[in-house]
């Protein structure tokens, strides 16, 4: 991509009504556009980041047997009435509307009930189990507070997976595999060291759940952690009974501020029993299915990564999710230097390395500032000055380390390590 063709532009200031660091930086760097509080459009750069996050999650969900599908965001009142979760006193984040043809419809905040209803058409025997399905989809939640940018939206992208298992043993086995897959996701996303699986309340889902909480100064949660034992407890369930159950004492725990980046819920057989999702067992009996629900907030993760990894110059993307690996800059009016930069741009692209080429007619200061703000993992400068020092200048965005590389070795530098 040549930057002169990118329709989004960087800006010096974020909107005056935007208080969160992640949204301020993402707006200034041209990744998102703010529609209203809690609602953001993904611009081309932002869309690429989200697709890269989704691909990491997709690979890990497929690796444990998940199959990708997509359900409707419009949801039937009848399906949710069966479990009493249509009631606003039980679930207080519904967006609902009245159909012109009559009746009410909800805009999906979650999908346990619709997927369980759908599975009645696909699961009838123990031979049909297990079944693991997941989707990436926009969710809608009528949040009272939406001031944390991408970290708390009224519309956001979630990966939600659902497991249907024959018995408690098979369900628990998959539940633990999902925990491990989630940790691999967060490791690859660059926040694994600060992310803890956390014992928490189930809210509108179940009595208890497990959350994945990332230490983040601007997060909305508080948890108690024991780093050595890998134990974390959400403030909402922090009490003597919980401490006893987990085998820790208050003196062993450190209180930290966090942002929730994922959660998993064990519904047991209750949800399927309530909705009459029964299968025939090997003994010929009708039995309810074990249900698990597993969510990762894709756009929320994007916001947390920006909050945690950005520096005073701008965004710092981990390499696996950056929209481009390289930000290629050239300075000055020397036509030979510009042609060399353009040649390198094509060589890198042909080698399968994604490059954003700043070919704009701007001064070095603005180009360097934009590169820092936009946060690509590597910045390459082609200039007369870099040529005098032995080649092209390569700067690692995360560390600031600089080295000069012969242009003839540039492809090998990025492909051979």
Protein backbone atom coordinates (compact mmCIF):
# COMPACT_ATOMS: atom_id res chain seq x y z
CA UNK A 1 0.00 0.00 0.00
CA UNK A 2 1.28 3.44 -0.92
CA UNK A 3 0.39 5.90 1.78
CA UNK A 4 -0.62 8.52 -0.76
CA UNK A 5 -3.46 6.16 -1.77
CA UNK A 6 -4.62 5.46 1.79
CA UNK A 7 -7.80 7.50 2.21
CA UNK A 8 -7.40 7.78 5.98
CA UNK A 9 -5.14 10.49 7.35
CA UNK A 10 -3.34 10.97 10.64
CA UNK A 11 -4.40 13.87 12.82
CA UNK A 12 -2.71 15.84 15.57
CA UNK A 13 -5.67 15.83 17.95
CA UNK A 14 -8.35 13.32 18.87
CA UNK A 15 -12.00 14.39 19.20
CA UNK A 16 -12.51 16.54 22.30
CA UNK A 17 -15.14 14.15 23.67
CA UNK A 18 -12.84 11.11 23.51
CA UNK A 19 -11.13 10.46 26.83
CA UNK A 20 -9.68 6.95 26.44
CA UNK A 21 -6.07 6.59 25.33
CA UNK A 22 -6.76 3.64 23.05
CA UNK A 23 -9.47 5.45 21.08
CA UNK A 24 -7.51 8.70 20.98
CA UNK A 25 -4.48 6.98 19.44
CA UNK A 26 -6.50 4.79 17.08
CA UNK A 27 -8.46 7.81 15.81
CA UNK A 28 -5.36 9.99 15.45
CA UNK A 29 -3.49 7.22 13.62
CA UNK A 30 -6.36 6.61 11.18
CA UNK A 31 -7.49 3.17 12.37
CA UNK A 32 -11.03 3.96 13.53
CA UNK A 33 -13.73 6.61 13.18
CA UNK A 34 -16.04 7.49 16.07
CA UNK A 35 -19.75 7.42 15.22
CA UNK A 36 -20.99 8.05 18.77
CA UNK A 37 -20.15 7.00 22.32
CA UNK A 38 -19.32 3.30 22.30
CA UNK A 39 -19.66 2.96 18.51
CA UNK A 40 -16.65 3.00 16.18
CA UNK A 41 -16.11 2.29 12.49
CA UNK A 42 -13.09 0.24 11.47
CA UNK A 43 -11.16 2.05 8.75
CA UNK A 44 -8.87 0.08 6.40
CA UNK A 45 -5.95 -0.01 8.84
CA UNK A 46 -8.22 -0.93 11.75
CA UNK A 47 -9.94 -3.61 9.71
CA UNK A 48 -6.58 -5.21 8.91
CA UNK A 49 -5.63 -5.30 12.59
CA UNK A 50 -8.96 -6.87 13.55
CA UNK A 51 -8.69 -9.46 10.78
CA UNK A 52 -5.20 -10.39 12.01
CA UNK A 53 -6.48 -10.77 15.59
CA UNK A 54 -9.34 -12.90 14.30
CA UNK A 55 -6.96 -15.11 12.34
CA UNK A 56 -4.89 -15.87 15.45
CA UNK A 57 -8.04 -16.76 17.38
CA UNK A 58 -9.41 -18.74 14.42
CA UNK A 59 -6.27 -20.86 14.21
CA UNK A 60 -6.39 -21.67 17.92
CA UNK A 61 -10.12 -22.50 17.89
CA UNK A 62 -9.69 -24.76 14.86
CA UNK A 63 -6.78 -26.50 16.58
CA UNK A 64 -9.05 -27.74 19.39
CA UNK A 65 -11.82 -28.86 17.04
CA UNK A 66 -13.92 -25.72 16.60
CA UNK A 67 -15.88 -25.20 13.38
CA UNK A 68 -16.59 -21.67 12.22
CA UNK A 69 -20.10 -20.56 11.34
CA UNK A 70 -22.17 -17.40 11.68
CA UNK A 71 -25.62 -16.82 13.12
CA UNK A 72 -28.05 -13.95 12.75
CA UNK A 73 -27.74 -10.91 14.99
CA UNK A 74 -31.56 -10.64 15.07
CA UNK A 75 -32.99 -12.85 17.77
CA UNK A 76 -36.44 -14.21 18.59
CA UNK A 77 -38.10 -13.16 21.83
CA UNK A 78 -39.57 -16.65 22.22
CA UNK A 79 -36.15 -18.32 22.37
CA UNK A 80 -34.99 -16.11 25.24
CA UNK A 81 -38.30 -16.18 27.13
CA UNK A 82 -37.82 -19.92 27.72
CA UNK A 83 -34.84 -19.21 29.99
CA UNK A 84 -36.21 -15.94 31.42
CA UNK A 85 -33.31 -13.96 29.94
CA UNK A 86 -35.55 -11.79 27.77
CA UNK A 87 -36.52 -9.99 30.97
CA UNK A 88 -34.68 -6.65 31.30
CA UNK A 89 -34.41 -7.23 35.04
CA UNK A 90 -32.32 -10.35 34.31
CA UNK A 91 -30.35 -9.02 31.31
CA UNK A 92 -30.11 -5.24 31.41
CA UNK A 93 -28.15 -4.66 28.16
CA UNK A 94 -30.74 -5.62 25.54
CA UNK A 95 -31.34 -3.56 22.43
CA UNK A 96 -34.88 -4.46 21.30
CA UNK A 97 -37.19 -3.37 18.52
CA UNK A 98 -40.75 -3.89 17.33
CA UNK A 99 -41.28 -5.52 13.95
CA UNK A 100 -43.62 -3.83 11.47
CA UNK A 101 -45.25 -7.23 11.00
CA UNK A 102 -45.84 -7.47 14.75
CA UNK A 103 -43.87 -8.90 17.61
CA UNK A 104 -40.54 -8.04 19.17
CA UNK A 105 -36.98 -8.80 18.13
CA UNK A 106 -33.69 -8.47 20.00
CA UNK A 107 -30.24 -7.52 18.73
CA UNK A 108 -27.78 -10.20 19.81
CA UNK A 109 -25.82 -9.51 22.99
CA UNK A 110 -24.94 -13.23 23.23
CA UNK A 111 -26.04 -16.43 21.50
CA UNK A 112 -26.46 -19.29 24.02
CA UNK A 113 -30.22 -19.54 23.55
CA UNK A 114 -30.31 -19.22 19.74
CA UNK A 115 -27.48 -21.73 19.24
CA UNK A 116 -29.10 -24.20 21.63
CA UNK A 117 -32.40 -23.83 19.76
CA UNK A 118 -30.62 -24.33 16.44
CA UNK A 119 -28.85 -27.45 17.69
CA UNK A 120 -32.21 -29.19 18.16
CA UNK A 121 -32.14 -29.64 14.38
CA UNK A 122 -28.66 -31.18 14.41
CA UNK A 123 -28.22 -33.15 17.63
CA UNK A 124 -30.47 -36.10 18.41
CA UNK A 125 -28.16 -38.93 19.46
CA UNK A 126 -25.04 -39.41 21.56
CA UNK A 127 -23.37 -40.24 18.23
CA UNK A 128 -23.79 -36.58 17.19
CA UNK A 129 -21.64 -35.35 20.08
CA UNK A 130 -19.42 -33.54 20.75
CA UNK A 131 -20.10 -30.42 18.67
CA UNK A 132 -17.95 -27.27 18.89
CA UNK A 133 -18.92 -24.21 16.87
CA UNK A 134 -17.77 -20.59 16.95
CA UNK A 135 -18.35 -17.32 15.15
CA UNK A 136 -16.98 -13.81 14.81
CA UNK A 137 -19.87 -11.41 14.97
CA UNK A 138 -20.94 -7.92 15.95
CA UNK A 139 -22.65 -7.91 19.34
CA UNK A 140 -24.91 -5.17 20.70
CA UNK A 141 -25.09 -4.19 24.36
CA UNK A 142 -26.95 -1.20 25.74
CA UNK A 143 -24.15 -0.22 28.09
CA UNK A 144 -24.83 2.55 30.58
CA UNK A 145 -21.17 3.60 30.43
CA UNK A 146 -19.26 3.67 27.15
CA UNK A 147 -16.25 5.84 27.87
CA UNK A 148 -13.40 3.36 27.49
CA UNK A 149 -13.03 3.48 23.72
CA UNK A 150 -12.69 0.05 22.14
CA UNK A 151 -12.61 -1.53 25.59
CA UNK A 152 -16.34 -1.03 26.23
CA UNK A 153 -18.52 -0.61 23.17
CA UNK A 154 -22.23 -0.65 22.55
CA UNK A 155 -21.40 -2.46 19.33
CA UNK A 156 -18.31 -4.64 19.17
CA UNK A 157 -16.85 -7.75 17.57
CA UNK A 158 -16.74 -10.93 19.62
CA UNK A 159 -15.55 -14.45 19.02
CA UNK A 160 -18.11 -16.65 20.75
CA UNK A 161 -17.78 -20.44 20.80
CA UNK A 162 -20.23 -23.02 22.11
CA UNK A 163 -19.51 -26.61 23.10
CA UNK A 164 -22.09 -29.38 23.30
CA UNK A 165 -20.86 -32.48 25.14
CA UNK A 166 -22.38 -35.77 26.20
CA UNK A 167 -21.24 -35.82 29.82
CA UNK A 168 -19.36 -33.87 32.48
CA UNK A 169 -16.03 -35.58 31.75
CA UNK A 170 -16.02 -34.71 28.06
CA UNK A 171 -17.24 -31.20 28.80
CA UNK A 172 -14.48 -30.57 31.36
CA UNK A 173 -11.84 -31.90 28.97
CA UNK A 174 -12.84 -29.41 26.30
CA UNK A 175 -13.22 -26.62 28.87
CA UNK A 176 -9.58 -27.10 29.91
CA UNK A 177 -8.42 -27.28 26.28
CA UNK A 178 -10.14 -23.95 25.67
CA UNK A 179 -8.35 -22.37 28.63
CA UNK A 180 -5.02 -23.44 27.12
CA UNK A 181 -6.04 -22.22 23.65
CA UNK A 182 -7.03 -18.84 25.06
CA UNK A 183 -3.66 -18.46 26.76
CA UNK A 184 -1.94 -19.25 23.44
CA UNK A 185 -4.06 -16.54 21.81
CA UNK A 186 -3.04 -13.91 24.36
CA UNK A 187 0.61 -14.95 24.11
CA UNK A 188 0.51 -14.46 20.34
CA UNK A 189 -1.31 -11.15 20.77
CA UNK A 190 1.51 -9.82 22.92
CA UNK A 191 -0.38 -9.59 26.25
CA UNK A 192 0.05 -13.12 27.59
CA UNK A 193 2.45 -12.23 30.41
CA UNK A 194 -0.09 -9.77 31.85
CA UNK A 195 -3.19 -11.93 31.36
CA UNK A 196 -4.56 -14.15 34.14
CA UNK A 197 -7.39 -16.66 34.20
CA UNK A 198 -9.63 -15.33 36.95
CA UNK A 199 -12.29 -16.89 39.15
CA UNK A 200 -15.35 -14.66 38.76
CA UNK A 201 -19.10 -14.33 39.05
CA UNK A 202 -21.28 -15.44 36.16
CA UNK A 203 -23.50 -12.35 35.91
CA UNK A 204 -26.39 -13.01 33.55
CA UNK A 205 -24.78 -16.27 32.44
CA UNK A 206 -24.10 -18.64 35.37
CA UNK A 207 -23.35 -18.50 39.08
CA UNK A 208 -19.60 -18.65 38.47
CA UNK A 209 -17.31 -18.26 35.47
CA UNK A 210 -13.69 -17.85 34.53
CA UNK A 211 -12.51 -14.58 33.05
CA UNK A 212 -9.29 -13.70 31.31
CA UNK A 213 -8.14 -10.44 32.80
CA UNK A 214 -5.21 -8.37 31.54
CA UNK A 215 -3.41 -5.99 33.89
CA UNK A 216 -4.25 -2.54 32.52
CA UNK A 217 -4.14 0.77 34.35
CA UNK A 218 -7.27 2.01 32.59
CA UNK A 219 -9.26 -1.20 33.03
CA UNK A 220 -12.60 -1.32 34.82
CA UNK A 221 -12.00 -4.36 37.03
CA UNK A 222 -9.96 -5.13 40.11
CA UNK A 223 -8.59 -8.59 40.77
CA UNK A 224 -6.35 -10.23 43.34
CA UNK A 225 -3.46 -12.27 41.92
CA UNK A 226 -0.79 -14.64 43.08
CA UNK A 227 1.77 -14.59 40.27
CA UNK A 228 3.70 -17.66 41.44
CA UNK A 229 0.63 -19.88 41.77
CA UNK A 230 -1.11 -18.36 38.75
CA UNK A 231 -4.25 -17.71 40.80
CA UNK A 232 -6.49 -14.70 40.22
CA UNK A 233 -9.78 -13.75 41.87
CA UNK A 234 -12.20 -11.08 40.70
CA UNK A 235 -13.13 -8.51 43.32
CA UNK A 236 -16.80 -9.44 42.99
CA UNK A 237 -16.22 -12.96 44.38
CA UNK A 238 -13.33 -12.14 46.72
CA UNK A 239 -14.35 -13.58 50.09
CA UNK A 240 -13.23 -16.11 52.67
CA UNK A 241 -15.10 -18.99 51.01
CA UNK A 242 -13.43 -18.33 47.65
CA UNK A 243 -9.97 -18.02 49.23
CA UNK A 244 -10.48 -21.33 51.05
CA UNK A 245 -11.68 -23.07 47.90
CA UNK A 246 -8.61 -21.90 45.96
CA UNK A 247 -6.18 -22.61 48.76
CA UNK A 248 -4.77 -19.10 49.21
CA UNK A 249 -4.71 -16.46 51.91
CA UNK A 250 -5.33 -12.74 51.60
CA UNK A 251 -1.68 -12.02 52.44
CA UNK A 252 -0.51 -13.94 49.36
CA UNK A 253 -2.51 -11.80 46.93
CA UNK A 254 -1.74 -8.56 45.10
CA UNK A 255 -4.55 -6.22 44.04
CA UNK A 256 -4.30 -4.97 40.44
CA UNK A 257 -6.46 -3.09 37.94
CA UNK A 258 -7.40 -5.11 34.87
CA UNK A 259 -9.45 -5.24 31.69
CA UNK A 260 -11.46 -8.34 30.83
CA UNK A 261 -10.39 -9.77 27.46
CA UNK A 262 -12.24 -13.08 27.53
CA UNK A 263 -14.56 -15.29 29.54
CA UNK A 264 -15.80 -18.86 29.67
CA UNK A 265 -18.99 -20.21 31.22
CA UNK A 266 -20.00 -23.71 32.26
CA UNK A 267 -23.77 -24.08 31.97
CA UNK A 268 -23.77 -27.79 32.79
CA UNK A 269 -27.03 -29.36 31.58
CA UNK A 270 -29.35 -26.65 32.92
CA UNK A 271 -29.61 -24.54 29.77
CA UNK A 272 -30.26 -27.52 27.50
CA UNK A 273 -32.76 -28.96 29.97
CA UNK A 274 -34.62 -25.64 30.12
CA UNK A 275 -34.75 -25.49 26.33
CA UNK A 276 -35.45 -29.20 25.83
CA UNK A 277 -32.25 -29.99 23.90
CA UNK A 278 -32.14 -33.73 24.59
CA UNK A 279 -30.25 -36.55 22.90
CA UNK A 280 -30.70 -40.29 23.04
CA UNK A 281 -28.00 -41.89 25.18
CA UNK A 282 -26.28 -45.19 24.37
CA UNK A 283 -28.74 -46.80 26.80
CA UNK A 284 -31.70 -45.33 24.91
CA UNK A 285 -32.60 -42.63 27.44
CA UNK A 286 -33.34 -38.99 26.67
CA UNK A 287 -30.72 -36.84 28.39
CA UNK A 288 -29.86 -33.12 28.30
CA UNK A 289 -26.57 -31.95 26.77
CA UNK A 290 -23.71 -30.19 28.57
CA UNK A 291 -23.20 -26.64 27.29
CA UNK A 292 -20.16 -24.40 27.49
CA UNK A 293 -19.83 -20.82 26.23
CA UNK A 294 -16.49 -19.15 25.45
CA UNK A 295 -15.97 -15.50 24.46
CA UNK A 296 -13.08 -13.30 23.36
CA UNK A 297 -13.71 -9.61 22.76
CA UNK A 298 -11.84 -9.05 19.48
CA UNK A 299 -12.14 -5.27 19.33
CA UNK A 300 -11.70 -5.03 23.11
CA UNK A 301 -8.39 -6.90 22.80
CA UNK A 302 -7.37 -4.37 20.16
CA UNK A 303 -8.02 -1.55 22.63
CA UNK A 304 -6.17 -3.27 25.47
CA UNK A 305 -3.12 -3.90 23.27
CA UNK A 306 -2.99 -0.19 22.43
CA UNK A 307 -3.43 0.81 26.09
CA UNK A 308 -0.68 -1.52 27.30
CA UNK A 309 1.94 -1.37 24.55
CA UNK A 310 1.73 2.24 23.28
CA UNK A 311 4.44 4.70 24.26
CA UNK A 312 4.61 8.49 24.31
CA UNK A 313 5.05 8.55 20.52
CA UNK A 314 2.09 6.39 19.55
CA UNK A 315 0.89 2.84 18.95
CA UNK A 316 3.23 -0.17 19.12
CA UNK A 317 1.75 -3.20 17.34
CA UNK A 318 2.95 -6.78 17.93
CA UNK A 319 4.19 -8.16 14.63
CA UNK A 320 1.46 -10.80 14.22
CA UNK A 321 -1.37 -8.28 14.26
CA UNK A 322 0.13 -5.14 12.71
CA UNK A 323 -1.59 -4.03 9.49
CA UNK A 324 1.85 -3.87 7.82
CA UNK A 325 5.16 -5.33 8.93
CA UNK A 326 7.17 -2.42 7.53
CA UNK A 327 6.63 1.31 7.24
CA UNK A 328 8.94 2.40 4.40
CA UNK A 329 9.95 6.06 4.31
CA UNK A 330 12.08 8.08 1.92
CA UNK A 331 13.32 11.65 2.37
CA UNK A 332 14.55 14.40 0.11
CA UNK A 333 14.20 15.21 -3.57
CA UNK A 334 16.85 12.86 -4.93
CA UNK A 335 15.13 10.92 -7.72
CA UNK A 336 17.62 8.05 -7.48
CA UNK A 337 16.86 7.62 -3.77
CA UNK A 338 13.10 7.64 -4.42
CA UNK A 339 13.47 5.06 -7.22
CA UNK A 340 15.54 2.85 -4.91
CA UNK A 341 12.83 3.09 -2.23
CA UNK A 342 10.12 2.23 -4.75
CA UNK A 343 12.16 -0.71 -6.02
CA UNK A 344 12.60 -2.01 -2.46
CA UNK A 345 8.87 -1.59 -1.89
CA UNK A 346 8.05 -3.84 -4.84
CA UNK A 347 10.74 -6.38 -3.89
CA UNK A 348 9.40 -6.67 -0.34
CA UNK A 349 5.80 -6.97 -1.51
CA UNK A 350 6.79 -9.66 -4.04
CA UNK A 351 8.47 -11.55 -1.19
CA UNK A 352 5.16 -11.61 0.70
CA UNK A 353 6.15 -8.94 3.24
CA UNK A 354 3.45 -6.35 3.82
CA UNK A 355 4.70 -2.78 3.42
CA UNK A 356 3.17 0.67 3.86
CA UNK A 357 5.23 2.95 1.60
CA UNK A 358 5.15 6.62 2.62
CA UNK A 359 5.56 8.13 -0.83
CA UNK A 360 3.99 11.45 0.16
CA UNK A 361 5.71 14.75 -0.59
CA UNK A 362 6.23 15.71 3.05
CA UNK A 363 9.17 16.58 5.26
CA UNK A 364 11.10 14.02 7.34
CA UNK A 365 9.62 15.26 10.63
CA UNK A 366 6.01 14.61 9.68
CA UNK A 367 6.80 11.26 8.11
CA UNK A 368 8.73 10.07 11.17
CA UNK A 369 6.02 11.30 13.54
CA UNK A 370 3.32 9.54 11.53
CA UNK A 371 5.33 6.31 11.49
CA UNK A 372 5.71 6.42 15.27
CA UNK A 373 2.02 7.18 15.74
CA UNK A 374 0.85 4.37 13.42
CA UNK A 375 3.06 1.79 15.09
CA UNK A 376 4.27 -0.68 12.44
CA UNK A 377 6.86 -3.11 13.89
CA UNK A 378 9.67 -1.94 11.58
CA UNK A 379 10.48 1.41 10.03
CA UNK A 380 12.84 1.54 7.07
CA UNK A 381 14.29 4.86 5.96
CA UNK A 382 15.85 5.20 2.50
CA UNK A 383 17.79 8.44 2.25
CA UNK A 384 21.12 9.93 1.24
CA UNK A 385 22.15 9.88 4.89
CA UNK A 386 21.34 6.18 5.33
CA UNK A 387 23.18 5.36 2.10
CA UNK A 388 26.28 7.06 3.48
CA UNK A 389 26.07 4.81 6.54
CA UNK A 390 25.97 1.60 4.55
CA UNK A 391 22.48 1.01 3.28
CA UNK A 392 18.95 1.51 4.60
CA UNK A 393 18.10 2.39 8.19
CA UNK A 394 15.93 -0.15 10.03
CA UNK A 395 14.32 0.80 13.37
CA UNK A 396 12.41 -1.64 15.55
CA UNK A 397 9.37 0.23 16.83
CA UNK A 398 9.07 -1.66 20.12
CA UNK A 399 12.68 -1.16 21.24
CA UNK A 400 14.01 1.74 19.15
CA UNK A 401 17.00 -0.39 18.10
CA UNK A 402 18.55 0.85 14.84
CA UNK A 403 20.77 -0.87 12.32
CA UNK A 404 21.89 -0.27 8.75
CA UNK A 405 21.43 -3.03 6.21
CA UNK A 406 22.63 -3.44 2.65
CA UNK A 407 19.53 -3.17 0.39
CA UNK A 408 20.61 -6.36 -1.34
CA UNK A 409 20.18 -8.21 1.99
CA UNK A 410 16.87 -6.68 2.94
CA UNK A 411 14.65 -9.60 1.90
CA UNK A 412 16.90 -12.05 3.74
CA UNK A 413 16.80 -9.82 6.84
CA UNK A 414 13.03 -10.26 7.11
CA UNK A 415 12.67 -13.81 5.83
CA UNK A 416 15.68 -15.57 7.35
CA UNK A 417 15.73 -13.88 10.76
